[in-house]
C-alpha atoms as a PDB file:
ATOM      1  CA  MET A   1     -19.226 -32.787   1.987  1.00  0.00           C
ATOM      2  CA  GLY A   2     -21.565 -34.871   4.098  1.00  0.00           C
ATOM      3  CA  ASP A   3     -18.534 -36.679   5.558  1.00  0.00           C
ATOM      4  CA  VAL A   4     -17.258 -33.554   7.299  1.00  0.00           C
ATOM      5  CA  ALA A   5     -19.265 -34.310  10.431  1.00  0.00           C
ATOM      6  CA  GLY A   6     -17.852 -37.827  10.600  1.00  0.00           C
ATOM      7  CA  THR A   7     -14.242 -36.801   9.961  1.00  0.00           C
ATOM      8  CA  ALA A   8     -14.209 -34.017  12.522  1.00  0.00           C
ATOM      9  CA  GLY A   9     -13.407 -36.410  15.334  1.00  0.00           C
ATOM     10  CA  GLY A  10     -16.530 -36.770  17.388  1.00  0.00           C
ATOM     11  CA  HIS A  11     -18.704 -34.073  15.833  1.00  0.00           C
ATOM     12  CA  GLY A  12     -22.342 -34.830  15.206  1.00  0.00           C
ATOM     13  CA  GLY A  13     -22.942 -37.114  18.164  1.00  0.00           C
ATOM     14  CA  GLN A  14     -20.430 -39.757  17.128  1.00  0.00           C
ATOM     15  CA  ALA A  15     -18.176 -41.413  19.659  1.00  0.00           C
ATOM     16  CA  GLY A  16     -14.888 -39.558  19.966  1.00  0.00           C
ATOM     17  CA  GLY A  17     -11.551 -41.235  19.538  1.00  0.00           C
ATOM     18  CA  ALA A  18      -7.976 -40.401  20.509  1.00  0.00           C
ATOM     19  CA  ASP A  19      -7.777 -37.625  17.878  1.00  0.00           C
ATOM     20  CA  GLU A  20     -10.948 -35.850  19.005  1.00  0.00           C
ATOM     21  CA  GLY A  21      -9.235 -32.572  20.002  1.00  0.00           C
ATOM     22  CA  ARG A  22      -7.370 -32.208  16.709  1.00  0.00           C
ATOM     23  CA  GLY A  23     -10.169 -32.974  14.298  1.00  0.00           C
ATOM     24  CA  GLY A  24      -9.063 -36.439  13.332  1.00  0.00           C
ATOM     25  CA  PRO A  25      -6.065 -37.694  11.413  1.00  0.00           C
ATOM     26  CA  GLY A  26      -7.223 -36.266   8.047  1.00  0.00           C
ATOM     27  CA  LEU A  27      -7.604 -32.625   9.109  1.00  0.00           C
ATOM     28  CA  GLN A  28      -4.810 -30.097   9.635  1.00  0.00           C
ATOM     29  CA  GLY A  29      -5.083 -27.233  12.097  1.00  0.00           C
ATOM     30  CA  SER A  30      -5.783 -26.501  15.710  1.00  0.00           C
ATOM     31  CA  GLY A  31      -8.648 -28.061  17.635  1.00  0.00           C
ATOM     32  CA  ARG A  32     -10.167 -24.629  18.228  1.00  0.00           C
ATOM     33  CA  TRP A  33     -10.411 -23.996  14.464  1.00  0.00           C
ATOM     34  CA  VAL A  34     -12.008 -27.400  13.882  1.00  0.00           C
ATOM     35  CA  TYR A  35     -14.594 -26.716  16.576  1.00  0.00           C
ATOM     36  CA  GLU A  36     -15.307 -23.317  14.997  1.00  0.00           C
ATOM     37  CA  LEU A  37     -15.875 -24.974  11.601  1.00  0.00           C
ATOM     38  CA  CYS A  38     -18.162 -27.564  13.186  1.00  0.00           C
ATOM     39  CA  ARG A  39     -20.163 -24.819  14.931  1.00  0.00           C
ATOM     40  CA  ARG A  40     -20.537 -22.950  11.627  1.00  0.00           C
ATOM     41  CA  PHE A  41     -21.516 -26.142   9.821  1.00  0.00           C
ATOM     42  CA  ASP A  42     -24.228 -26.887  12.383  1.00  0.00           C
ATOM     43  CA  ALA A  43     -25.625 -23.367  12.066  1.00  0.00           C
ATOM     44  CA  GLU A  44     -25.337 -22.733   8.301  1.00  0.00           C
ATOM     45  CA  GLY A  45     -24.741 -26.065   6.566  1.00  0.00           C
ATOM     46  CA  GLU A  46     -22.320 -26.521   3.658  1.00  0.00           C
ATOM     47  CA  ALA A  47     -22.400 -22.802   2.779  1.00  0.00           C
ATOM     48  CA  SER A  48     -20.478 -22.122   6.008  1.00  0.00           C
ATOM     49  CA  LEU A  49     -17.398 -23.866   4.621  1.00  0.00           C
ATOM     50  CA  GLU A  50     -16.896 -21.291   1.827  1.00  0.00           C
ATOM     51  CA  PRO A  51     -13.979 -18.869   2.342  1.00  0.00           C
ATOM     52  CA  ARG A  52     -14.923 -15.705   4.227  1.00  0.00           C
ATOM     53  CA  SER A  53     -13.546 -12.200   4.134  1.00  0.00           C
ATOM     54  CA  ARG A  54     -10.773 -11.469   6.621  1.00  0.00           C
ATOM     55  CA  ARG A  55     -11.494  -7.756   6.621  1.00  0.00           C
ATOM     56  CA  PRO A  56     -12.139  -6.418  10.126  1.00  0.00           C
ATOM     57  CA  ARG A  57     -15.734  -5.478  10.901  1.00  0.00           C
ATOM     58  CA  ARG A  58     -14.621  -2.130  12.279  1.00  0.00           C
ATOM     59  CA  SER A  59     -11.453  -0.098  12.507  1.00  0.00           C
ATOM     60  CA  PRO A  60     -11.220   1.489  15.967  1.00  0.00           C
ATOM     61  CA  LEU A  61      -8.127   3.531  15.080  1.00  0.00           C
ATOM     62  CA  GLY A  62      -9.604   4.808  11.820  1.00  0.00           C
ATOM     63  CA  THR A  63     -10.283   8.474  11.172  1.00  0.00           C
ATOM     64  CA  SER A  64     -13.679   9.523  12.536  1.00  0.00           C
ATOM     65  CA  ALA A  65     -16.433  10.708  10.219  1.00  0.00           C
ATOM     66  CA  GLU A  66     -16.352  14.168  11.824  1.00  0.00           C
ATOM     67  CA  VAL A  67     -12.644  14.608  11.077  1.00  0.00           C
ATOM     68  CA  GLU A  68     -13.136  13.341   7.512  1.00  0.00           C
ATOM     69  CA  GLN A  69     -15.963  15.852   7.018  1.00  0.00           C
ATOM     70  CA  GLU A  70     -13.809  18.672   8.409  1.00  0.00           C
ATOM     71  CA  ILE A  71     -10.954  17.746   6.043  1.00  0.00           C
ATOM     72  CA  VAL A  72     -13.308  17.805   3.040  1.00  0.00           C
ATOM     73  CA  GLU A  73     -14.827  21.148   4.100  1.00  0.00           C
ATOM     74  CA  LEU A  74     -11.375  22.627   4.701  1.00  0.00           C
ATOM     75  CA  ARG A  75     -10.239  21.441   1.262  1.00  0.00           C
ATOM     76  CA  LYS A  76     -13.272  23.068  -0.402  1.00  0.00           C
ATOM     77  CA  HIS A  77     -12.787  26.315   1.574  1.00  0.00           C
ATOM     78  CA  LEU A  78      -9.086  26.557   0.669  1.00  0.00           C
ATOM     79  CA  LEU A  79      -9.836  25.901  -3.019  1.00  0.00           C
ATOM     80  CA  ASP A  80     -12.558  28.585  -3.009  1.00  0.00           C
ATOM     81  CA  GLU A  81     -10.085  31.073  -1.506  1.00  0.00           C
ATOM     82  CA  GLY A  82      -7.553  30.200  -4.227  1.00  0.00           C
ATOM     83  CA  LEU A  83      -5.047  28.895  -1.689  1.00  0.00           C
ATOM     84  CA  ASP A  84      -2.983  25.743  -1.656  1.00  0.00           C
ATOM     85  CA  ALA A  85      -5.256  22.888  -0.536  1.00  0.00           C
ATOM     86  CA  GLY A  86      -2.795  20.013  -0.318  1.00  0.00           C
ATOM     87  CA  ALA A  87      -2.501  17.499   2.488  1.00  0.00           C
ATOM     88  CA  HIS A  88       0.328  19.402   4.214  1.00  0.00           C
ATOM     89  CA  THR A  89      -1.691  22.635   4.234  1.00  0.00           C
ATOM     90  CA  ILE A  90      -4.791  20.891   5.562  1.00  0.00           C
ATOM     91  CA  SER A  91      -2.699  19.258   8.289  1.00  0.00           C
ATOM     92  CA  PHE A  92      -1.286  22.679   9.222  1.00  0.00           C
ATOM     93  CA  HIS A  93      -4.786  24.181   9.543  1.00  0.00           C
ATOM     94  CA  LEU A  94      -6.059  21.237  11.605  1.00  0.00           C
ATOM     95  CA  ILE A  95      -3.119  21.571  13.999  1.00  0.00           C
ATOM     96  CA  ARG A  96      -3.840  25.305  14.396  1.00  0.00           C
ATOM     97  CA  ARG A  97      -7.516  24.577  15.117  1.00  0.00           C
ATOM     98  CA  HIS A  98      -7.279  21.496  17.329  1.00  0.00           C
ATOM     99  CA  GLY A  99      -3.636  21.056  18.286  1.00  0.00           C
ATOM    100  CA  THR A 100      -3.517  17.695  16.479  1.00  0.00           C
ATOM    101  CA  SER A 101      -4.013  16.277  13.014  1.00  0.00           C
ATOM    102  CA  PRO A 102      -4.058  12.940  11.207  1.00  0.00           C
ATOM    103  CA  SER A 103      -0.881  12.178   9.313  1.00  0.00           C
ATOM    104  CA  VAL A 104      -0.345  13.819   5.934  1.00  0.00           C
ATOM    105  CA  ALA A 105      -0.560  10.388   4.288  1.00  0.00           C
ATOM    106  CA  THR A 106      -3.942   9.752   5.939  1.00  0.00           C
ATOM    107  CA  ILE A 107      -5.251  13.111   4.720  1.00  0.00           C
ATOM    108  CA  TRP A 108      -3.998  12.389   1.196  1.00  0.00           C
ATOM    109  CA  ARG A 109      -5.646   8.928   1.182  1.00  0.00           C
ATOM    110  CA  LEU A 110      -8.913  10.423   2.399  1.00  0.00           C
ATOM    111  CA  LEU A 111      -8.854  13.136  -0.287  1.00  0.00           C
ATOM    112  CA  SER A 112      -8.090  10.505  -2.934  1.00  0.00           C
ATOM    113  CA  ARG A 113     -10.959   8.317  -1.742  1.00  0.00           C
ATOM    114  CA  GLN A 114     -13.335  11.320  -1.866  1.00  0.00           C
ATOM    115  CA  GLY A 115     -12.237  12.143  -5.439  1.00  0.00           C
ATOM    116  CA  PHE A 116     -10.392  15.396  -4.692  1.00  0.00           C
ATOM    117  CA  VAL A 117      -7.003  14.244  -6.001  1.00  0.00           C
ATOM    118  CA  THR A 118      -6.543  14.225  -9.754  1.00  0.00           C
ATOM    119  CA  PRO A 119      -4.508  11.172 -10.775  1.00  0.00           C
ATOM    120  CA  GLN A 120      -1.271  12.094 -12.503  1.00  0.00           C
ATOM    121  CA  PRO A 121       0.773   9.865 -14.790  1.00  0.00           C
ATOM    122  CA  GLN A 122       3.570   8.047 -13.029  1.00  0.00           C
ATOM    123  CA  LYS A 123       7.232   8.328 -13.838  1.00  0.00           C
ATOM    124  CA  ARG A 124       8.501   6.499 -16.861  1.00  0.00           C
ATOM    125  CA  PRO A 125       8.747   2.800 -15.989  1.00  0.00           C
ATOM    126  CA  ARG A 126      12.202   1.388 -15.450  1.00  0.00           C
ATOM    127  CA  SER A 127      11.523  -1.256 -18.082  1.00  0.00           C
ATOM    128  CA  SER A 128      11.566   1.476 -20.756  1.00  0.00           C
ATOM    129  CA  PHE A 129      15.149   2.503 -19.978  1.00  0.00           C
ATOM    130  CA  VAL A 130      17.749   1.471 -22.564  1.00  0.00           C
ATOM    131  CA  ARG A 131      20.851   0.297 -20.784  1.00  0.00           C
ATOM    132  CA  PHE A 132      24.219   1.499 -22.111  1.00  0.00           C
ATOM    133  CA  GLU A 133      25.981  -1.831 -22.411  1.00  0.00           C
ATOM    134  CA  ALA A 134      28.083  -3.659 -24.948  1.00  0.00           C
ATOM    135  CA  ASP A 135      28.233  -7.302 -25.929  1.00  0.00           C
ATOM    136  CA  GLN A 136      31.947  -7.140 -26.756  1.00  0.00           C
ATOM    137  CA  PRO A 137      34.834  -5.165 -25.240  1.00  0.00           C
ATOM    138  CA  ASN A 138      35.463  -1.770 -26.905  1.00  0.00           C
ATOM    139  CA  GLU A 139      32.128  -1.987 -28.675  1.00  0.00           C
ATOM    140  CA  ARG A 140      30.810   1.201 -27.085  1.00  0.00           C
ATOM    141  CA  TRP A 141      32.631   4.198 -25.736  1.00  0.00           C
ATOM    142  CA  GLN A 142      31.352   6.924 -23.508  1.00  0.00           C
ATOM    143  CA  ALA A 143      32.961  10.313 -23.005  1.00  0.00           C
ATOM    144  CA  ASP A 144      32.198  12.901 -20.389  1.00  0.00           C
ATOM    145  CA  ILE A 145      33.172  16.103 -22.171  1.00  0.00           C
ATOM    146  CA  THR A 146      33.211  19.481 -20.465  1.00  0.00           C
ATOM    147  CA  PRO A 147      33.982  22.607 -22.496  1.00  0.00           C
ATOM    148  CA  LEU A 148      37.059  24.381 -21.176  1.00  0.00           C
ATOM    149  CA  GLU A 149      38.017  27.947 -21.835  1.00  0.00           C
ATOM    150  CA  ALA A 150      41.725  28.666 -21.365  1.00  0.00           C
ATOM    151  CA  PRO A 151      42.620  32.110 -20.035  1.00  0.00           C
ATOM    152  CA  ARG A 152      44.326  34.328 -22.610  1.00  0.00           C
ATOM    153  CA  GLY A 153      47.225  36.627 -22.132  1.00  0.00           C
ATOM    154  CA  HIS A 154      48.663  35.033 -19.024  1.00  0.00           C
ATOM    155  CA  GLY A 155      51.898  33.908 -20.567  1.00  0.00           C
ATOM    156  CA  GLY A 156      50.529  30.548 -21.565  1.00  0.00           C
ATOM    157  CA  ARG A 157      50.100  29.125 -25.045  1.00  0.00           C
ATOM    158  CA  ASP A 158      47.178  30.260 -27.120  1.00  0.00           C
ATOM    159  CA  LEU A 159      45.290  26.981 -27.423  1.00  0.00           C
ATOM    160  CA  GLU A 160      43.088  28.083 -30.315  1.00  0.00           C
ATOM    161  CA  ARG A 161      45.955  28.888 -32.671  1.00  0.00           C
ATOM    162  CA  GLY A 162      48.294  26.167 -31.535  1.00  0.00           C
ATOM    163  CA  ARG A 163      51.070  28.582 -30.590  1.00  0.00           C
END
């Protein structure tokens, strides 16, 4: 990895060539990214070239801690009262209190993260279904049978006796 400084097209005090802005002929990517890697390498050494997390440092549109706390308290209060404490109900109460509410999905995710939602088994997987199919024609038959009661005494034949 010691050759990174030499390959980066002018990094490390070396004379720059025609490919200086792109990081040299051996590197792919924009010049800005190459300069960022060189800056990291100068500051941290070879450890700076390891992959880094792409997770944002903060989420400005995320639900605030105060709203999360209010949702949890509302859930506990509704459960203590013996009322429905689902995400829709919590959203309803928040709208009555404040005129606005996070989405029902956001409330459900928050309750799941806090451990208030009991996981339930999923539906049967599609892979367990047995398909009604035949390898050869006329190998399987399917009938949709509906019981039919014929009216009696209306001048028609009596279907039970064959008359």
